[in-house]
Amino acid sequence: MRFRNFLVALTLAWAIAPASAADITKGRVAWMKFNCNGCHGGNAKGGMGPNIVGKDAHDLSTAISGDKTSGGMINYTKNTNPASIPTSTDLDNMSAYLKSIDTASEPKWVDWWNH
């Protein structure tokens, strides 16, 4: 029983552990590279697209893969070029970036090609 409680505690600690600075930086790079800021704004607080600050990778994946009527992103549902669709690693890193917004660890640079 103690071992099971330990495993549960360890799993929870890992799941809520803060993202590394490298993951947040990679997330900002992906955010800019995939032009998410074009619809969601430079700070992800909305524009033509909704505010997505704090969203997790599952939320991002669901939104990207859905169709326009179910809240999906039309530019990804019609896209046939795999290189222009974020990978699961990209989504994890973008989630880390989105969760860093309005914190001391939020990167604010716009020259993503230099990072």
PDB file of N, CA and C in Angstrom:
ATOM      1  N   MET A   1       0.816  -1.192   0.000  1.00  0.00           N
ATOM      2  CA  MET A   1       0.000   0.000   0.000  1.00  0.00           C
ATOM      3  C   MET A   1       0.866   1.265   0.000  1.00  0.00           C
ATOM      4  N   ARG A   2       1.906   1.273   0.831  1.00  0.00           N
ATOM      5  CA  ARG A   2       2.784   2.432   0.874  1.00  0.00           C
ATOM      6  C   ARG A   2       3.470   2.657  -0.464  1.00  0.00           C
ATOM      7  N   PHE A   3       3.884   1.556  -1.093  1.00  0.00           N
ATOM      8  CA  PHE A   3       4.554   1.676  -2.376  1.00  0.00           C
ATOM      9  C   PHE A   3       3.599   2.257  -3.417  1.00  0.00           C
ATOM     10  N   ARG A   4       2.349   1.803  -3.412  1.00  0.00           N
ATOM     11  CA  ARG A   4       1.372   2.326  -4.362  1.00  0.00           C
ATOM     12  C   ARG A   4       1.140   3.821  -4.113  1.00  0.00           C
ATOM     13  N   ASN A   5       1.032   4.224  -2.867  1.00  0.00           N
ATOM     14  CA  ASN A   5       0.866   5.644  -2.548  1.00  0.00           C
ATOM     15  C   ASN A   5       2.071   6.449  -3.018  1.00  0.00           C
ATOM     16  N   PHE A   6       3.260   5.865  -2.849  1.00  0.00           N
ATOM     17  CA  PHE A   6       4.473   6.522  -3.306  1.00  0.00           C
ATOM     18  C   PHE A   6       4.433   6.714  -4.823  1.00  0.00           C
ATOM     19  N   LEU A   7       4.041   5.674  -5.550  1.00  0.00           N
ATOM     20  CA  LEU A   7       3.967   5.767  -7.009  1.00  0.00           C
ATOM     21  C   LEU A   7       2.951   6.819  -7.445  1.00  0.00           C
ATOM     22  N   VAL A   8       1.812   6.868  -6.789  1.00  0.00           N
ATOM     23  CA  VAL A   8       0.802   7.871  -7.118  1.00  0.00           C
ATOM     24  C   VAL A   8       1.358   9.272  -6.869  1.00  0.00           C
ATOM     25  N   ALA A   9       2.007   9.473  -5.730  1.00  0.00           N
ATOM     26  CA  ALA A   9       2.584  10.778  -5.403  1.00  0.00           C
ATOM     27  C   ALA A   9       3.674  11.163  -6.401  1.00  0.00           C
ATOM     28  N   LEU A  10       4.510  10.210  -6.756  1.00  0.00           N
ATOM     29  CA  LEU A  10       5.577  10.464  -7.717  1.00  0.00           C
ATOM     30  C   LEU A  10       4.993  10.827  -9.075  1.00  0.00           C
ATOM     31  N   THR A  11       3.976  10.108  -9.508  1.00  0.00           N
ATOM     32  CA  THR A  11       3.326  10.386 -10.788  1.00  0.00           C
ATOM     33  C   THR A  11       2.713  11.778 -10.792  1.00  0.00           C
ATOM     34  N   LEU A  12       2.031  12.140  -9.716  1.00  0.00           N
ATOM     35  CA  LEU A  12       1.423  13.467  -9.633  1.00  0.00           C
ATOM     36  C   LEU A  12       2.480  14.560  -9.627  1.00  0.00           C
ATOM     37  N   ALA A  13       3.559  14.350  -8.914  1.00  0.00           N
ATOM     38  CA  ALA A  13       4.634  15.337  -8.868  1.00  0.00           C
ATOM     39  C   ALA A  13       5.238  15.528 -10.250  1.00  0.00           C
ATOM     40  N   TRP A  14       5.413  14.436 -10.969  1.00  0.00           N
ATOM     41  CA  TRP A  14       5.971  14.531 -12.317  1.00  0.00           C
ATOM     42  C   TRP A  14       5.000  15.252 -13.243  1.00  0.00           C
ATOM     43  N   ALA A  15       3.718  14.957 -13.116  1.00  0.00           N
ATOM     44  CA  ALA A  15       2.714  15.536 -14.003  1.00  0.00           C
ATOM     45  C   ALA A  15       2.572  17.039 -13.815  1.00  0.00           C
ATOM     46  N   ILE A  16       2.794  17.538 -12.602  1.00  0.00           N
ATOM     47  CA  ILE A  16       2.616  18.966 -12.371  1.00  0.00           C
ATOM     48  C   ILE A  16       3.945  19.704 -12.248  1.00  0.00           C
ATOM     49  N   ALA A  17       5.042  19.013 -12.533  1.00  0.00           N
ATOM     50  CA  ALA A  17       6.359  19.650 -12.466  1.00  0.00           C
ATOM     51  C   ALA A  17       6.422  20.790 -13.476  1.00  0.00           C
ATOM     52  N   PRO A  18       7.062  21.891 -13.118  1.00  0.00           N
ATOM     53  CA  PRO A  18       7.157  23.008 -14.052  1.00  0.00           C
ATOM     54  C   PRO A  18       8.006  22.635 -15.257  1.00  0.00           C
ATOM     55  N   ALA A  19       7.682  23.230 -16.371  1.00  0.00           N
ATOM     56  CA  ALA A  19       8.437  22.981 -17.595  1.00  0.00           C
ATOM     57  C   ALA A  19       9.815  23.621 -17.487  1.00  0.00           C
ATOM     58  N   SER A  20      10.753  23.051 -18.201  1.00  0.00           N
ATOM     59  CA  SER A  20      12.102  23.618 -18.205  1.00  0.00           C
ATOM     60  C   SER A  20      12.128  24.869 -19.073  1.00  0.00           C
ATOM     61  N   ALA A  21      13.114  25.701 -18.839  1.00  0.00           N
ATOM     62  CA  ALA A  21      13.287  26.912 -19.645  1.00  0.00           C
ATOM     63  C   ALA A  21      13.496  26.545 -21.111  1.00  0.00           C
ATOM     64  N   ALA A  22      14.181  25.429 -21.361  1.00  0.00           N
ATOM     65  CA  ALA A  22      14.420  24.990 -22.742  1.00  0.00           C
ATOM     66  C   ALA A  22      13.107  24.620 -23.429  1.00  0.00           C
ATOM     67  N   ASP A  23      12.214  23.917 -22.702  1.00  0.00           N
ATOM     68  CA  ASP A  23      10.921  23.545 -23.284  1.00  0.00           C
ATOM     69  C   ASP A  23      10.078  24.786 -23.576  1.00  0.00           C
ATOM     70  N   ILE A  24      10.122  25.750 -22.671  1.00  0.00           N
ATOM     71  CA  ILE A  24       9.369  26.991 -22.869  1.00  0.00           C
ATOM     72  C   ILE A  24       9.908  27.739 -24.087  1.00  0.00           C
ATOM     73  N   THR A  25      11.230  27.794 -24.216  1.00  0.00           N
ATOM     74  CA  THR A  25      11.843  28.451 -25.377  1.00  0.00           C
ATOM     75  C   THR A  25      11.465  27.730 -26.661  1.00  0.00           C
ATOM     76  N   LYS A  26      11.541  26.399 -26.649  1.00  0.00           N
ATOM     77  CA  LYS A  26      11.147  25.626 -27.833  1.00  0.00           C
ATOM     78  C   LYS A  26       9.676  25.841 -28.153  1.00  0.00           C
ATOM     79  N   GLY A  27       8.870  26.006 -27.125  1.00  0.00           N
ATOM     80  CA  GLY A  27       7.452  26.268 -27.337  1.00  0.00           C
ATOM     81  C   GLY A  27       7.213  27.619 -27.984  1.00  0.00           C
ATOM     82  N   ARG A  28       7.962  28.628 -27.559  1.00  0.00           N
ATOM     83  CA  ARG A  28       7.848  29.959 -28.174  1.00  0.00           C
ATOM     84  C   ARG A  28       8.311  29.901 -29.628  1.00  0.00           C
ATOM     85  N   VAL A  29       9.387  29.142 -29.888  1.00  0.00           N
ATOM     86  CA  VAL A  29       9.869  28.964 -31.264  1.00  0.00           C
ATOM     87  C   VAL A  29       8.764  28.342 -32.117  1.00  0.00           C
ATOM     88  N   ALA A  30       8.157  27.257 -31.626  1.00  0.00           N
ATOM     89  CA  ALA A  30       7.087  26.593 -32.380  1.00  0.00           C
ATOM     90  C   ALA A  30       5.896  27.532 -32.566  1.00  0.00           C
ATOM     91  N   TRP A  31       5.553  28.273 -31.515  1.00  0.00           N
ATOM     92  CA  TRP A  31       4.438  29.235 -31.565  1.00  0.00           C
ATOM     93  C   TRP A  31       4.629  30.217 -32.719  1.00  0.00           C
ATOM     94  N   MET A  32       5.835  30.727 -32.848  1.00  0.00           N
ATOM     95  CA  MET A  32       6.129  31.690 -33.911  1.00  0.00           C
ATOM     96  C   MET A  32       6.286  30.982 -35.267  1.00  0.00           C
ATOM     97  N   LYS A  33       6.978  29.866 -35.283  1.00  0.00           N
ATOM     98  CA  LYS A  33       7.235  29.123 -36.528  1.00  0.00           C
ATOM     99  C   LYS A  33       5.938  28.695 -37.214  1.00  0.00           C
ATOM    100  N   PHE A  34       4.981  28.211 -36.432  1.00  0.00           N
ATOM    101  CA  PHE A  34       3.712  27.756 -37.000  1.00  0.00           C
ATOM    102  C   PHE A  34       2.695  28.888 -37.126  1.00  0.00           C
ATOM    103  N   ASN A  35       3.130  30.125 -36.861  1.00  0.00           N
ATOM    104  CA  ASN A  35       2.333  31.329 -37.023  1.00  0.00           C
ATOM    105  C   ASN A  35       1.048  31.324 -36.194  1.00  0.00           C
ATOM    106  N   CYS A  36       1.110  30.719 -35.021  1.00  0.00           N
ATOM    107  CA  CYS A  36      -0.045  30.711 -34.121  1.00  0.00           C
ATOM    108  C   CYS A  36      -0.412  32.134 -33.715  1.00  0.00           C
ATOM    109  N   ASN A  37       0.628  32.970 -33.587  1.00  0.00           N
ATOM    110  CA  ASN A  37       0.407  34.366 -33.208  1.00  0.00           C
ATOM    111  C   ASN A  37      -0.419  35.128 -34.240  1.00  0.00           C
ATOM    112  N   GLY A  38      -0.448  34.645 -35.472  1.00  0.00           N
ATOM    113  CA  GLY A  38      -1.225  35.308 -36.517  1.00  0.00           C
ATOM    114  C   GLY A  38      -2.709  35.370 -36.196  1.00  0.00           C
ATOM    115  N   CYS A  39      -3.230  34.353 -35.541  1.00  0.00           N
ATOM    116  CA  CYS A  39      -4.655  34.323 -35.175  1.00  0.00           C
ATOM    117  C   CYS A  39      -4.893  34.543 -33.684  1.00  0.00           C
ATOM    118  N   HIS A  40      -3.989  34.029 -32.855  1.00  0.00           N
ATOM    119  CA  HIS A  40      -4.209  34.069 -31.403  1.00  0.00           C
ATOM    120  C   HIS A  40      -3.510  35.244 -30.727  1.00  0.00           C
ATOM    121  N   GLY A  41      -2.780  36.033 -31.495  1.00  0.00           N
ATOM    122  CA  GLY A  41      -2.081  37.184 -30.942  1.00  0.00           C
ATOM    123  C   GLY A  41      -0.707  36.806 -30.414  1.00  0.00           C
ATOM    124  N   GLY A  42       0.163  37.771 -30.329  1.00  0.00           N
ATOM    125  CA  GLY A  42       1.529  37.539 -29.890  1.00  0.00           C
ATOM    126  C   GLY A  42       1.628  36.991 -28.480  1.00  0.00           C
ATOM    127  N   ASN A  43       0.636  37.265 -27.655  1.00  0.00           N
ATOM    128  CA  ASN A  43       0.652  36.782 -26.277  1.00  0.00           C
ATOM    129  C   ASN A  43      -0.414  35.721 -26.017  1.00  0.00           C
ATOM    130  N   ALA A  44      -1.000  35.177 -27.082  1.00  0.00           N
ATOM    131  CA  ALA A  44      -1.988  34.086 -27.041  1.00  0.00           C
ATOM    132  C   ALA A  44      -3.297  34.467 -26.358  1.00  0.00           C
ATOM    133  N   LYS A  45      -3.504  35.755 -26.136  1.00  0.00           N
ATOM    134  CA  LYS A  45      -4.717  36.181 -25.428  1.00  0.00           C
ATOM    135  C   LYS A  45      -5.881  36.465 -26.365  1.00  0.00           C
ATOM    136  N   GLY A  46      -5.712  36.108 -27.619  1.00  0.00           N
ATOM    137  CA  GLY A  46      -6.813  36.230 -28.562  1.00  0.00           C
ATOM    138  C   GLY A  46      -6.584  37.285 -29.615  1.00  0.00           C
ATOM    139  N   GLY A  47      -7.289  37.130 -30.668  1.00  0.00           N
ATOM    140  CA  GLY A  47      -7.259  38.008 -31.829  1.00  0.00           C
ATOM    141  C   GLY A  47      -8.390  37.497 -32.692  1.00  0.00           C
ATOM    142  N   MET A  48      -8.060  37.074 -33.904  1.00  0.00           N
ATOM    143  CA  MET A  48      -9.040  36.418 -34.749  1.00  0.00           C
ATOM    144  C   MET A  48      -9.403  35.056 -34.142  1.00  0.00           C
ATOM    145  N   GLY A  49      -8.416  34.419 -33.474  1.00  0.00           N
ATOM    146  CA  GLY A  49      -8.640  33.163 -32.755  1.00  0.00           C
ATOM    147  C   GLY A  49      -8.825  33.451 -31.276  1.00  0.00           C
ATOM    148  N   PRO A  50      -9.265  32.451 -30.516  1.00  0.00           N
ATOM    149  CA  PRO A  50      -9.543  32.671 -29.092  1.00  0.00           C
ATOM    150  C   PRO A  50      -8.294  32.759 -28.221  1.00  0.00           C
ATOM    151  N   ASN A  51      -8.491  33.199 -26.998  1.00  0.00           N
ATOM    152  CA  ASN A  51      -7.457  33.206 -25.970  1.00  0.00           C
ATOM    153  C   ASN A  51      -7.134  31.748 -25.631  1.00  0.00           C
ATOM    154  N   ILE A  52      -5.869  31.372 -25.713  1.00  0.00           N
ATOM    155  CA  ILE A  52      -5.492  29.989 -25.388  1.00  0.00           C
ATOM    156  C   ILE A  52      -4.360  29.930 -24.352  1.00  0.00           C
ATOM    157  N   VAL A  53      -4.215  30.980 -23.586  1.00  0.00           N
ATOM    158  CA  VAL A  53      -3.214  30.999 -22.518  1.00  0.00           C
ATOM    159  C   VAL A  53      -3.499  29.834 -21.570  1.00  0.00           C
ATOM    160  N   GLY A  54      -2.448  29.077 -21.238  1.00  0.00           N
ATOM    161  CA  GLY A  54      -2.570  27.992 -20.268  1.00  0.00           C
ATOM    162  C   GLY A  54      -3.096  26.680 -20.816  1.00  0.00           C
ATOM    163  N   LYS A  55      -3.413  26.603 -22.084  1.00  0.00           N
ATOM    164  CA  LYS A  55      -3.953  25.358 -22.649  1.00  0.00           C
ATOM    165  C   LYS A  55      -2.883  24.272 -22.664  1.00  0.00           C
ATOM    166  N   ASP A  56      -3.337  23.028 -22.533  1.00  0.00           N
ATOM    167  CA  ASP A  56      -2.380  21.921 -22.550  1.00  0.00           C
ATOM    168  C   ASP A  56      -2.281  21.316 -23.952  1.00  0.00           C
ATOM    169  N   ALA A  57      -1.352  20.395 -24.119  1.00  0.00           N
ATOM    170  CA  ALA A  57      -1.083  19.805 -25.432  1.00  0.00           C
ATOM    171  C   ALA A  57      -2.309  19.081 -25.989  1.00  0.00           C
ATOM    172  N   HIS A  58      -3.082  18.438 -25.125  1.00  0.00           N
ATOM    173  CA  HIS A  58      -4.295  17.747 -25.586  1.00  0.00           C
ATOM    174  C   HIS A  58      -5.296  18.745 -26.157  1.00  0.00           C
ATOM    175  N   ASP A  59      -5.488  19.871 -25.480  1.00  0.00           N
ATOM    176  CA  ASP A  59      -6.398  20.909 -25.987  1.00  0.00           C
ATOM    177  C   ASP A  59      -5.935  21.404 -27.352  1.00  0.00           C
ATOM    178  N   LEU A  60      -4.632  21.626 -27.487  1.00  0.00           N
ATOM    179  CA  LEU A  60      -4.088  22.112 -28.760  1.00  0.00           C
ATOM    180  C   LEU A  60      -4.295  21.084 -29.863  1.00  0.00           C
ATOM    181  N   SER A  61      -4.004  19.829 -29.571  1.00  0.00           N
ATOM    182  CA  SER A  61      -4.158  18.763 -30.561  1.00  0.00           C
ATOM    183  C   SER A  61      -5.610  18.627 -31.002  1.00  0.00           C
ATOM    184  N   THR A  62      -6.530  18.675 -30.051  1.00  0.00           N
ATOM    185  CA  THR A  62      -7.954  18.566 -30.362  1.00  0.00           C
ATOM    186  C   THR A  62      -8.404  19.725 -31.247  1.00  0.00           C
ATOM    187  N   ALA A  63      -7.966  20.924 -30.924  1.00  0.00           N
ATOM    188  CA  ALA A  63      -8.350  22.091 -31.715  1.00  0.00           C
ATOM    189  C   ALA A  63      -7.777  22.025 -33.123  1.00  0.00           C
ATOM    190  N   ILE A  64      -6.537  21.596 -33.241  1.00  0.00           N
ATOM    191  CA  ILE A  64      -5.903  21.520 -34.557  1.00  0.00           C
ATOM    192  C   ILE A  64      -6.563  20.465 -35.425  1.00  0.00           C
ATOM    193  N   SER A  65      -6.888  19.316 -34.864  1.00  0.00           N
ATOM    194  CA  SER A  65      -7.386  18.204 -35.680  1.00  0.00           C
ATOM    195  C   SER A  65      -8.886  18.256 -35.938  1.00  0.00           C
ATOM    196  N   GLY A  66      -9.616  19.108 -35.232  1.00  0.00           N
ATOM    197  CA  GLY A  66     -11.054  19.209 -35.454  1.00  0.00           C
ATOM    198  C   GLY A  66     -11.361  19.960 -36.729  1.00  0.00           C
ATOM    199  N   ASP A  67     -12.641  19.985 -37.102  1.00  0.00           N
ATOM    200  CA  ASP A  67     -13.009  20.790 -38.256  1.00  0.00           C
ATOM    201  C   ASP A  67     -13.507  22.154 -37.785  1.00  0.00           C
ATOM    202  N   LYS A  68     -13.732  23.054 -38.711  1.00  0.00           N
ATOM    203  CA  LYS A  68     -14.076  24.426 -38.338  1.00  0.00           C
ATOM    204  C   LYS A  68     -15.351  24.488 -37.508  1.00  0.00           C
ATOM    205  N   THR A  69     -16.331  23.662 -37.806  1.00  0.00           N
ATOM    206  CA  THR A  69     -17.593  23.715 -37.062  1.00  0.00           C
ATOM    207  C   THR A  69     -17.445  23.197 -35.640  1.00  0.00           C
ATOM    208  N   SER A  70     -16.433  22.353 -35.394  1.00  0.00           N
ATOM    209  CA  SER A  70     -16.239  21.840 -34.036  1.00  0.00           C
ATOM    210  C   SER A  70     -15.117  22.580 -33.314  1.00  0.00           C
ATOM    211  N   GLY A  71     -14.727  23.714 -33.854  1.00  0.00           N
ATOM    212  CA  GLY A  71     -13.696  24.519 -33.211  1.00  0.00           C
ATOM    213  C   GLY A  71     -12.299  24.255 -33.730  1.00  0.00           C
ATOM    214  N   GLY A  72     -12.164  23.437 -34.756  1.00  0.00           N
ATOM    215  CA  GLY A  72     -10.852  23.136 -35.315  1.00  0.00           C
ATOM    216  C   GLY A  72     -10.291  24.294 -36.117  1.00  0.00           C
ATOM    217  N   MET A  73      -9.051  24.149 -36.501  1.00  0.00           N
ATOM    218  CA  MET A  73      -8.372  25.197 -37.265  1.00  0.00           C
ATOM    219  C   MET A  73      -8.306  24.790 -38.726  1.00  0.00           C
ATOM    220  N   ILE A  74      -9.030  25.520 -39.541  1.00  0.00           N
ATOM    221  CA  ILE A  74      -9.168  25.192 -40.956  1.00  0.00           C
ATOM    222  C   ILE A  74      -7.812  25.117 -41.662  1.00  0.00           C
ATOM    223  N   ASN A  75      -6.852  25.942 -41.272  1.00  0.00           N
ATOM    224  CA  ASN A  75      -5.556  25.917 -41.945  1.00  0.00           C
ATOM    225  C   ASN A  75      -4.794  24.617 -41.680  1.00  0.00           C
ATOM    226  N   TYR A  76      -5.142  23.878 -40.643  1.00  0.00           N
ATOM    227  CA  TYR A  76      -4.501  22.586 -40.395  1.00  0.00           C
ATOM    228  C   TYR A  76      -5.331  21.427 -40.925  1.00  0.00           C
ATOM    229  N   THR A  77      -6.646  21.522 -40.903  1.00  0.00           N
ATOM    230  CA  THR A  77      -7.465  20.406 -41.367  1.00  0.00           C
ATOM    231  C   THR A  77      -7.370  20.225 -42.873  1.00  0.00           C
ATOM    232  N   LYS A  78      -7.038  21.276 -43.606  1.00  0.00           N
ATOM    233  CA  LYS A  78      -6.895  21.186 -45.065  1.00  0.00           C
ATOM    234  C   LYS A  78      -5.430  21.010 -45.488  1.00  0.00           C
ATOM    235  N   ASN A  79      -4.528  21.004 -44.535  1.00  0.00           N
ATOM    236  CA  ASN A  79      -3.104  20.968 -44.818  1.00  0.00           C
ATOM    237  C   ASN A  79      -2.646  19.539 -45.097  1.00  0.00           C
ATOM    238  N   THR A  80      -1.895  19.348 -46.182  1.00  0.00           N
ATOM    239  CA  THR A  80      -1.379  18.022 -46.520  1.00  0.00           C
ATOM    240  C   THR A  80       0.139  17.934 -46.372  1.00  0.00           C
ATOM    241  N   ASN A  81       0.783  19.007 -45.938  1.00  0.00           N
ATOM    242  CA  ASN A  81       2.230  19.016 -45.766  1.00  0.00           C
ATOM    243  C   ASN A  81       2.573  18.700 -44.307  1.00  0.00           C
ATOM    244  N   PRO A  82       3.054  17.482 -44.017  1.00  0.00           N
ATOM    245  CA  PRO A  82       3.344  17.114 -42.628  1.00  0.00           C
ATOM    246  C   PRO A  82       4.360  18.024 -41.939  1.00  0.00           C
ATOM    247  N   ALA A  83       5.253  18.642 -42.686  1.00  0.00           N
ATOM    248  CA  ALA A  83       6.264  19.513 -42.080  1.00  0.00           C
ATOM    249  C   ALA A  83       5.658  20.793 -41.515  1.00  0.00           C
ATOM    250  N   SER A  84       4.456  21.131 -41.951  1.00  0.00           N
ATOM    251  CA  SER A  84       3.845  22.377 -41.469  1.00  0.00           C
ATOM    252  C   SER A  84       2.756  22.116 -40.421  1.00  0.00           C
ATOM    253  N   ILE A  85       2.723  20.904 -39.885  1.00  0.00           N
ATOM    254  CA  ILE A  85       1.784  20.557 -38.820  1.00  0.00           C
ATOM    255  C   ILE A  85       2.598  20.242 -37.564  1.00  0.00           C
ATOM    256  N   PRO A  86       2.263  20.860 -36.434  1.00  0.00           N
ATOM    257  CA  PRO A  86       3.043  20.626 -35.213  1.00  0.00           C
ATOM    258  C   PRO A  86       3.025  19.160 -34.771  1.00  0.00           C
ATOM    259  N   THR A  87       4.170  18.678 -34.343  1.00  0.00           N
ATOM    260  CA  THR A  87       4.283  17.319 -33.807  1.00  0.00           C
ATOM    261  C   THR A  87       3.799  17.302 -32.360  1.00  0.00           C
ATOM    262  N   SER A  88       3.716  16.125 -31.767  1.00  0.00           N
ATOM    263  CA  SER A  88       3.310  16.040 -30.358  1.00  0.00           C
ATOM    264  C   SER A  88       4.343  16.735 -29.461  1.00  0.00           C
ATOM    265  N   THR A  89       5.618  16.663 -29.830  1.00  0.00           N
ATOM    266  CA  THR A  89       6.656  17.371 -29.070  1.00  0.00           C
ATOM    267  C   THR A  89       6.462  18.876 -29.195  1.00  0.00           C
ATOM    268  N   ASP A  90       6.161  19.347 -30.408  1.00  0.00           N
ATOM    269  CA  ASP A  90       5.875  20.771 -30.597  1.00  0.00           C
ATOM    270  C   ASP A  90       4.707  21.203 -29.708  1.00  0.00           C
ATOM    271  N   LEU A  91       3.657  20.377 -29.667  1.00  0.00           N
ATOM    272  CA  LEU A  91       2.467  20.712 -28.871  1.00  0.00           C
ATOM    273  C   LEU A  91       2.788  20.735 -27.378  1.00  0.00           C
ATOM    274  N   ASP A  92       3.595  19.782 -26.928  1.00  0.00           N
ATOM    275  CA  ASP A  92       4.015  19.783 -25.512  1.00  0.00           C
ATOM    276  C   ASP A  92       4.794  21.054 -25.187  1.00  0.00           C
ATOM    277  N   ASN A  93       5.707  21.426 -26.078  1.00  0.00           N
ATOM    278  CA  ASN A  93       6.511  22.622 -25.851  1.00  0.00           C
ATOM    279  C   ASN A  93       5.664  23.892 -25.950  1.00  0.00           C
ATOM    280  N   MET A  94       4.722  23.931 -26.900  1.00  0.00           N
ATOM    281  CA  MET A  94       3.845  25.095 -26.996  1.00  0.00           C
ATOM    282  C   MET A  94       2.990  25.221 -25.745  1.00  0.00           C
ATOM    283  N   SER A  95       2.554  24.096 -25.207  1.00  0.00           N
ATOM    284  CA  SER A  95       1.793  24.128 -23.961  1.00  0.00           C
ATOM    285  C   SER A  95       2.644  24.707 -22.829  1.00  0.00           C
ATOM    286  N   ALA A  96       3.911  24.309 -22.769  1.00  0.00           N
ATOM    287  CA  ALA A  96       4.816  24.862 -21.754  1.00  0.00           C
ATOM    288  C   ALA A  96       4.925  26.372 -21.921  1.00  0.00           C
ATOM    289  N   TYR A  97       5.041  26.822 -23.177  1.00  0.00           N
ATOM    290  CA  TYR A  97       5.104  28.259 -23.439  1.00  0.00           C
ATOM    291  C   TYR A  97       3.801  28.943 -23.007  1.00  0.00           C
ATOM    292  N   LEU A  98       2.653  28.377 -23.396  1.00  0.00           N
ATOM    293  CA  LEU A  98       1.366  28.992 -23.063  1.00  0.00           C
ATOM    294  C   LEU A  98       1.155  29.099 -21.559  1.00  0.00           C
ATOM    295  N   LYS A  99       1.664  28.124 -20.833  1.00  0.00           N
ATOM    296  CA  LYS A  99       1.543  28.144 -19.366  1.00  0.00           C
ATOM    297  C   LYS A  99       2.524  29.120 -18.728  1.00  0.00           C
ATOM    298  N   SER A 100       3.531  29.550 -19.488  1.00  0.00           N
ATOM    299  CA  SER A 100       4.517  30.500 -18.946  1.00  0.00           C
ATOM    300  C   SER A 100       4.082  31.956 -19.126  1.00  0.00           C
ATOM    301  N   ILE A 101       3.059  32.174 -19.930  1.00  0.00           N
ATOM    302  CA  ILE A 101       2.623  33.544 -20.224  1.00  0.00           C
ATOM    303  C   ILE A 101       2.194  34.248 -18.936  1.00  0.00           C
ATOM    304  N   ASP A 102       2.620  35.477 -18.813  1.00  0.00           N
ATOM    305  CA  ASP A 102       2.386  36.328 -17.632  1.00  0.00           C
ATOM    306  C   ASP A 102       3.128  35.843 -16.391  1.00  0.00           C
ATOM    307  N   THR A 103       4.179  35.063 -16.592  1.00  0.00           N
ATOM    308  CA  THR A 103       5.059  34.677 -15.485  1.00  0.00           C
ATOM    309  C   THR A 103       6.454  35.219 -15.789  1.00  0.00           C
ATOM    310  N   ALA A 104       7.329  35.116 -14.824  1.00  0.00           N
ATOM    311  CA  ALA A 104       8.706  35.597 -15.015  1.00  0.00           C
ATOM    312  C   ALA A 104       9.459  34.793 -16.069  1.00  0.00           C
ATOM    313  N   SER A 105       9.019  33.564 -16.346  1.00  0.00           N
ATOM    314  CA  SER A 105       9.739  32.722 -17.303  1.00  0.00           C
ATOM    315  C   SER A 105       9.237  32.866 -18.745  1.00  0.00           C
ATOM    316  N   GLU A 106       8.280  33.745 -18.976  1.00  0.00           N
ATOM    317  CA  GLU A 106       7.746  33.910 -20.334  1.00  0.00           C
ATOM    318  C   GLU A 106       8.758  34.591 -21.245  1.00  0.00           C
ATOM    319  N   PRO A 107       9.131  33.931 -22.365  1.00  0.00           N
ATOM    320  CA  PRO A 107       9.996  34.602 -23.345  1.00  0.00           C
ATOM    321  C   PRO A 107       9.145  35.558 -24.186  1.00  0.00           C
ATOM    322  N   LYS A 108       9.716  36.678 -24.578  1.00  0.00           N
ATOM    323  CA  LYS A 108       8.946  37.669 -25.331  1.00  0.00           C
ATOM    324  C   LYS A 108       9.571  38.025 -26.678  1.00  0.00           C
ATOM    325  N   TRP A 109      10.685  37.396 -27.030  1.00  0.00           N
ATOM    326  CA  TRP A 109      11.343  37.709 -28.286  1.00  0.00           C
ATOM    327  C   TRP A 109      10.471  37.280 -29.469  1.00  0.00           C
ATOM    328  N   VAL A 110      10.707  37.877 -30.615  1.00  0.00           N
ATOM    329  CA  VAL A 110       9.938  37.553 -31.818  1.00  0.00           C
ATOM    330  C   VAL A 110      10.803  36.959 -32.925  1.00  0.00           C
ATOM    331  N   ASP A 111      12.104  36.983 -32.783  1.00  0.00           N
ATOM    332  CA  ASP A 111      13.005  36.454 -33.815  1.00  0.00           C
ATOM    333  C   ASP A 111      13.244  34.958 -33.582  1.00  0.00           C
ATOM    334  N   TRP A 112      12.207  34.161 -33.806  1.00  0.00           N
ATOM    335  CA  TRP A 112      12.240  32.730 -33.476  1.00  0.00           C
ATOM    336  C   TRP A 112      13.340  31.981 -34.225  1.00  0.00           C
ATOM    337  N   TRP A 113      13.735  32.452 -35.369  1.00  0.00           N
ATOM    338  CA  TRP A 113      14.760  31.762 -36.152  1.00  0.00           C
ATOM    339  C   TRP A 113      16.144  31.843 -35.501  1.00  0.00           C
ATOM    340  N   ASN A 114      16.323  32.719 -34.518  1.00  0.00           N
ATOM    341  CA  ASN A 114      17.589  32.838 -33.812  1.00  0.00           C
ATOM    342  C   ASN A 114      17.647  32.014 -32.534  1.00  0.00           C
ATOM    343  N   HIS A 115      16.632  31.249 -32.252  1.00  0.00           N
ATOM    344  CA  HIS A 115      16.591  30.503 -30.977  1.00  0.00           C
ATOM    345  C   HIS A 115      16.558  29.017 -31.194  1.00  0.00           C
TER     346      HIS A 115
END
